[in-house]
Amino acid sequence: MTTHVNKVHHVTTIARVAEQLGEDEDWLHDVASEMEIEDGVIWVYGVGEDGVLAFTDFGIESLIELIKMYKEDPTLLKRYDQQQ
């Protein structure tokens, strides 16, 4: 029997990623909205908090690729918003 071992030892909040990348945090929320847990995105909850979007290192790499895609064709994000 194989047991899955989670090897993630830290995550970075969306606020910090936005600061590091020089991007708007709200815009990054929109971009990250299509990411799944397999893409390295998670929600972190604490006492009395609504939750904070955070990324593994792989998640940050995935987000950077999405940022590039949306900056090359900003209409993609608008189309995504219209589908929801």
N, C-alpha and C. Protein backbone atom coordinates (compact mmCIF):
# COMPACT_ATOMS: atom_id res chain seq x y z
N MET A 1 0.84 -1.18 0.00
CA MET A 1 0.00 0.00 0.00
C MET A 1 0.88 1.24 0.00
N THR A 2 0.60 2.17 -0.90
CA THR A 2 1.36 3.41 -1.01
C THR A 2 0.62 4.51 -0.27
N THR A 3 1.33 5.22 0.56
CA THR A 3 0.76 6.34 1.30
C THR A 3 1.29 7.64 0.72
N HIS A 4 0.38 8.56 0.45
CA HIS A 4 0.79 9.87 -0.07
C HIS A 4 1.35 10.72 1.07
N VAL A 5 2.49 11.29 0.86
CA VAL A 5 3.11 12.17 1.85
C VAL A 5 3.16 13.57 1.27
N ASN A 6 2.54 14.51 1.95
CA ASN A 6 2.54 15.89 1.50
C ASN A 6 3.92 16.49 1.75
N LYS A 7 4.55 16.97 0.71
CA LYS A 7 5.90 17.51 0.83
C LYS A 7 5.93 19.03 0.83
N VAL A 8 4.78 19.66 0.94
CA VAL A 8 4.73 21.12 1.00
C VAL A 8 5.08 21.54 2.42
N HIS A 9 6.09 22.36 2.56
CA HIS A 9 6.48 22.80 3.90
C HIS A 9 6.19 24.28 4.15
N HIS A 10 5.74 24.99 3.12
CA HIS A 10 5.34 26.38 3.30
C HIS A 10 4.46 26.81 2.13
N VAL A 11 3.69 27.84 2.37
CA VAL A 11 2.90 28.48 1.32
C VAL A 11 3.10 29.98 1.44
N THR A 12 2.76 30.69 0.36
CA THR A 12 2.90 32.15 0.34
C THR A 12 1.53 32.75 0.04
N THR A 13 1.13 33.73 0.84
CA THR A 13 -0.19 34.34 0.65
C THR A 13 -0.25 35.15 -0.64
N ILE A 14 -1.47 35.34 -1.10
CA ILE A 14 -1.66 36.09 -2.34
C ILE A 14 -1.18 37.53 -2.18
N ALA A 15 -1.32 38.11 -1.01
CA ALA A 15 -0.85 39.48 -0.79
C ALA A 15 0.66 39.57 -0.99
N ARG A 16 1.37 38.59 -0.46
CA ARG A 16 2.83 38.59 -0.61
C ARG A 16 3.24 38.32 -2.06
N VAL A 17 2.55 37.39 -2.71
CA VAL A 17 2.85 37.11 -4.12
C VAL A 17 2.61 38.35 -4.96
N ALA A 18 1.49 39.04 -4.72
CA ALA A 18 1.18 40.27 -5.46
C ALA A 18 2.30 41.29 -5.27
N GLU A 19 2.75 41.44 -4.03
CA GLU A 19 3.82 42.39 -3.74
C GLU A 19 5.11 41.99 -4.45
N GLN A 20 5.45 40.71 -4.40
CA GLN A 20 6.69 40.24 -5.01
C GLN A 20 6.67 40.37 -6.53
N LEU A 21 5.48 40.16 -7.12
CA LEU A 21 5.37 40.22 -8.58
C LEU A 21 5.01 41.62 -9.09
N GLY A 22 4.69 42.54 -8.18
CA GLY A 22 4.30 43.88 -8.60
C GLY A 22 2.95 43.90 -9.29
N GLU A 23 2.04 43.02 -8.87
CA GLU A 23 0.71 42.92 -9.48
C GLU A 23 -0.35 43.33 -8.47
N ASP A 24 -1.52 43.67 -8.99
CA ASP A 24 -2.66 44.02 -8.16
C ASP A 24 -3.25 42.74 -7.55
N GLU A 25 -3.46 42.74 -6.25
CA GLU A 25 -3.95 41.56 -5.56
C GLU A 25 -5.34 41.14 -6.04
N ASP A 26 -6.24 42.09 -6.25
CA ASP A 26 -7.58 41.76 -6.73
C ASP A 26 -7.53 41.12 -8.12
N TRP A 27 -6.68 41.64 -8.98
CA TRP A 27 -6.52 41.07 -10.32
C TRP A 27 -5.98 39.64 -10.23
N LEU A 28 -5.01 39.43 -9.31
CA LEU A 28 -4.47 38.08 -9.14
C LEU A 28 -5.54 37.11 -8.64
N HIS A 29 -6.46 37.60 -7.78
CA HIS A 29 -7.58 36.76 -7.35
C HIS A 29 -8.37 36.30 -8.57
N ASP A 30 -8.64 37.22 -9.48
CA ASP A 30 -9.38 36.87 -10.70
C ASP A 30 -8.62 35.84 -11.53
N VAL A 31 -7.33 36.05 -11.68
CA VAL A 31 -6.51 35.14 -12.47
C VAL A 31 -6.47 33.76 -11.80
N ALA A 32 -6.29 33.74 -10.49
CA ALA A 32 -6.16 32.47 -9.75
C ALA A 32 -7.48 31.73 -9.60
N SER A 33 -8.58 32.37 -9.92
CA SER A 33 -9.89 31.75 -9.70
C SER A 33 -10.08 30.46 -10.51
N GLU A 34 -9.32 30.28 -11.57
CA GLU A 34 -9.45 29.06 -12.36
C GLU A 34 -8.47 27.97 -11.93
N MET A 35 -7.62 28.27 -10.96
CA MET A 35 -6.65 27.29 -10.50
C MET A 35 -7.31 26.27 -9.58
N GLU A 36 -6.79 25.06 -9.61
CA GLU A 36 -7.27 23.97 -8.76
C GLU A 36 -6.16 23.60 -7.77
N ILE A 37 -6.51 22.81 -6.78
CA ILE A 37 -5.52 22.39 -5.78
C ILE A 37 -4.31 21.73 -6.43
N GLU A 38 -4.54 21.01 -7.53
CA GLU A 38 -3.43 20.37 -8.25
C GLU A 38 -2.47 21.38 -8.84
N ASP A 39 -2.94 22.62 -9.00
CA ASP A 39 -2.11 23.70 -9.55
C ASP A 39 -1.30 24.39 -8.46
N GLY A 40 -1.48 23.98 -7.21
CA GLY A 40 -0.69 24.55 -6.12
C GLY A 40 -1.33 25.73 -5.41
N VAL A 41 -2.65 25.79 -5.42
CA VAL A 41 -3.36 26.87 -4.73
C VAL A 41 -4.18 26.26 -3.59
N ILE A 42 -4.20 26.92 -2.44
CA ILE A 42 -4.99 26.46 -1.30
C ILE A 42 -5.58 27.65 -0.57
N TRP A 43 -6.57 27.39 0.25
CA TRP A 43 -7.13 28.41 1.14
C TRP A 43 -6.63 28.10 2.54
N VAL A 44 -6.18 29.12 3.25
CA VAL A 44 -5.70 28.98 4.62
C VAL A 44 -6.69 29.68 5.54
N TYR A 45 -7.15 28.96 6.55
CA TYR A 45 -8.14 29.51 7.48
C TYR A 45 -7.54 29.60 8.88
N GLY A 46 -7.89 30.67 9.58
CA GLY A 46 -7.48 30.86 10.96
C GLY A 46 -8.68 31.22 11.80
N VAL A 47 -8.47 31.44 13.05
CA VAL A 47 -9.55 31.81 13.96
C VAL A 47 -10.09 33.18 13.56
N GLY A 48 -11.40 33.25 13.33
CA GLY A 48 -12.05 34.52 13.02
C GLY A 48 -11.72 35.10 11.66
N GLU A 49 -11.11 34.31 10.80
CA GLU A 49 -10.75 34.81 9.47
C GLU A 49 -11.62 34.17 8.42
N ASP A 50 -11.84 34.88 7.32
CA ASP A 50 -12.60 34.34 6.20
C ASP A 50 -11.78 33.35 5.39
N GLY A 51 -10.51 33.47 5.44
CA GLY A 51 -9.62 32.61 4.66
C GLY A 51 -8.73 33.46 3.77
N VAL A 52 -7.56 32.95 3.52
CA VAL A 52 -6.57 33.66 2.70
C VAL A 52 -6.11 32.71 1.60
N LEU A 53 -6.11 33.20 0.39
CA LEU A 53 -5.61 32.42 -0.74
C LEU A 53 -4.10 32.36 -0.64
N ALA A 54 -3.54 31.17 -0.82
CA ALA A 54 -2.10 30.99 -0.73
C ALA A 54 -1.63 30.01 -1.80
N PHE A 55 -0.35 30.04 -2.07
CA PHE A 55 0.23 29.23 -3.14
C PHE A 55 1.46 28.48 -2.66
N THR A 56 1.61 27.25 -3.14
CA THR A 56 2.87 26.55 -2.97
C THR A 56 3.86 27.16 -3.97
N ASP A 57 5.10 26.73 -3.91
CA ASP A 57 6.07 27.23 -4.90
C ASP A 57 5.62 26.86 -6.31
N PHE A 58 5.11 25.64 -6.48
CA PHE A 58 4.58 25.22 -7.78
C PHE A 58 3.40 26.09 -8.17
N GLY A 59 2.57 26.46 -7.19
CA GLY A 59 1.41 27.32 -7.45
C GLY A 59 1.82 28.70 -7.94
N ILE A 60 2.89 29.23 -7.39
CA ILE A 60 3.38 30.53 -7.85
C ILE A 60 3.86 30.43 -9.30
N GLU A 61 4.55 29.33 -9.63
CA GLU A 61 4.98 29.12 -11.01
C GLU A 61 3.77 29.02 -11.95
N SER A 62 2.74 28.29 -11.51
CA SER A 62 1.52 28.15 -12.31
C SER A 62 0.84 29.51 -12.48
N LEU A 63 0.79 30.28 -11.41
CA LEU A 63 0.17 31.61 -11.46
C LEU A 63 0.93 32.53 -12.42
N ILE A 64 2.24 32.48 -12.38
CA ILE A 64 3.06 33.30 -13.28
C ILE A 64 2.75 32.96 -14.74
N GLU A 65 2.57 31.68 -15.04
CA GLU A 65 2.22 31.28 -16.41
C GLU A 65 0.85 31.83 -16.80
N LEU A 66 -0.12 31.79 -15.87
CA LEU A 66 -1.44 32.35 -16.16
C LEU A 66 -1.35 33.87 -16.36
N ILE A 67 -0.54 34.53 -15.55
CA ILE A 67 -0.36 35.98 -15.69
C ILE A 67 0.15 36.31 -17.08
N LYS A 68 1.16 35.57 -17.53
CA LYS A 68 1.71 35.80 -18.87
C LYS A 68 0.62 35.62 -19.92
N MET A 69 -0.17 34.57 -19.77
CA MET A 69 -1.22 34.27 -20.73
C MET A 69 -2.25 35.40 -20.78
N TYR A 70 -2.68 35.87 -19.62
CA TYR A 70 -3.69 36.93 -19.57
C TYR A 70 -3.15 38.28 -19.99
N LYS A 71 -1.86 38.52 -19.78
CA LYS A 71 -1.28 39.78 -20.25
C LYS A 71 -1.12 39.77 -21.77
N GLU A 72 -0.86 38.60 -22.33
CA GLU A 72 -0.76 38.50 -23.79
C GLU A 72 -2.13 38.67 -24.45
N ASP A 73 -3.19 38.20 -23.78
CA ASP A 73 -4.55 38.31 -24.31
C ASP A 73 -5.52 38.61 -23.17
N PRO A 74 -5.66 39.88 -22.78
CA PRO A 74 -6.52 40.26 -21.66
C PRO A 74 -7.99 39.87 -21.85
N THR A 75 -8.41 39.65 -23.07
CA THR A 75 -9.81 39.28 -23.29
C THR A 75 -10.12 37.88 -22.74
N LEU A 76 -9.12 37.05 -22.53
CA LEU A 76 -9.34 35.72 -21.98
C LEU A 76 -9.98 35.80 -20.59
N LEU A 77 -9.50 36.72 -19.78
CA LEU A 77 -10.04 36.87 -18.43
C LEU A 77 -11.47 37.38 -18.48
N LYS A 78 -11.76 38.28 -19.41
CA LYS A 78 -13.13 38.80 -19.55
C LYS A 78 -14.07 37.68 -19.97
N ARG A 79 -13.62 36.83 -20.89
CA ARG A 79 -14.45 35.70 -21.34
C ARG A 79 -14.70 34.75 -20.19
N TYR A 80 -13.68 34.51 -19.34
CA TYR A 80 -13.82 33.63 -18.20
C TYR A 80 -14.86 34.20 -17.23
N ASP A 81 -14.79 35.52 -16.97
CA ASP A 81 -15.75 36.17 -16.07
C ASP A 81 -17.17 36.05 -16.60
N GLN A 82 -17.35 36.13 -17.89
CA GLN A 82 -18.68 36.08 -18.48
C GLN A 82 -19.27 34.68 -18.40
N GLN A 83 -18.42 33.65 -18.35
CA GLN A 83 -18.91 32.27 -18.28
C GLN A 83 -19.44 31.93 -16.91
N GLN A 84 -19.02 32.61 -15.90
CA GLN A 84 -19.42 32.28 -14.53
C GLN A 84 -20.76 32.82 -14.19
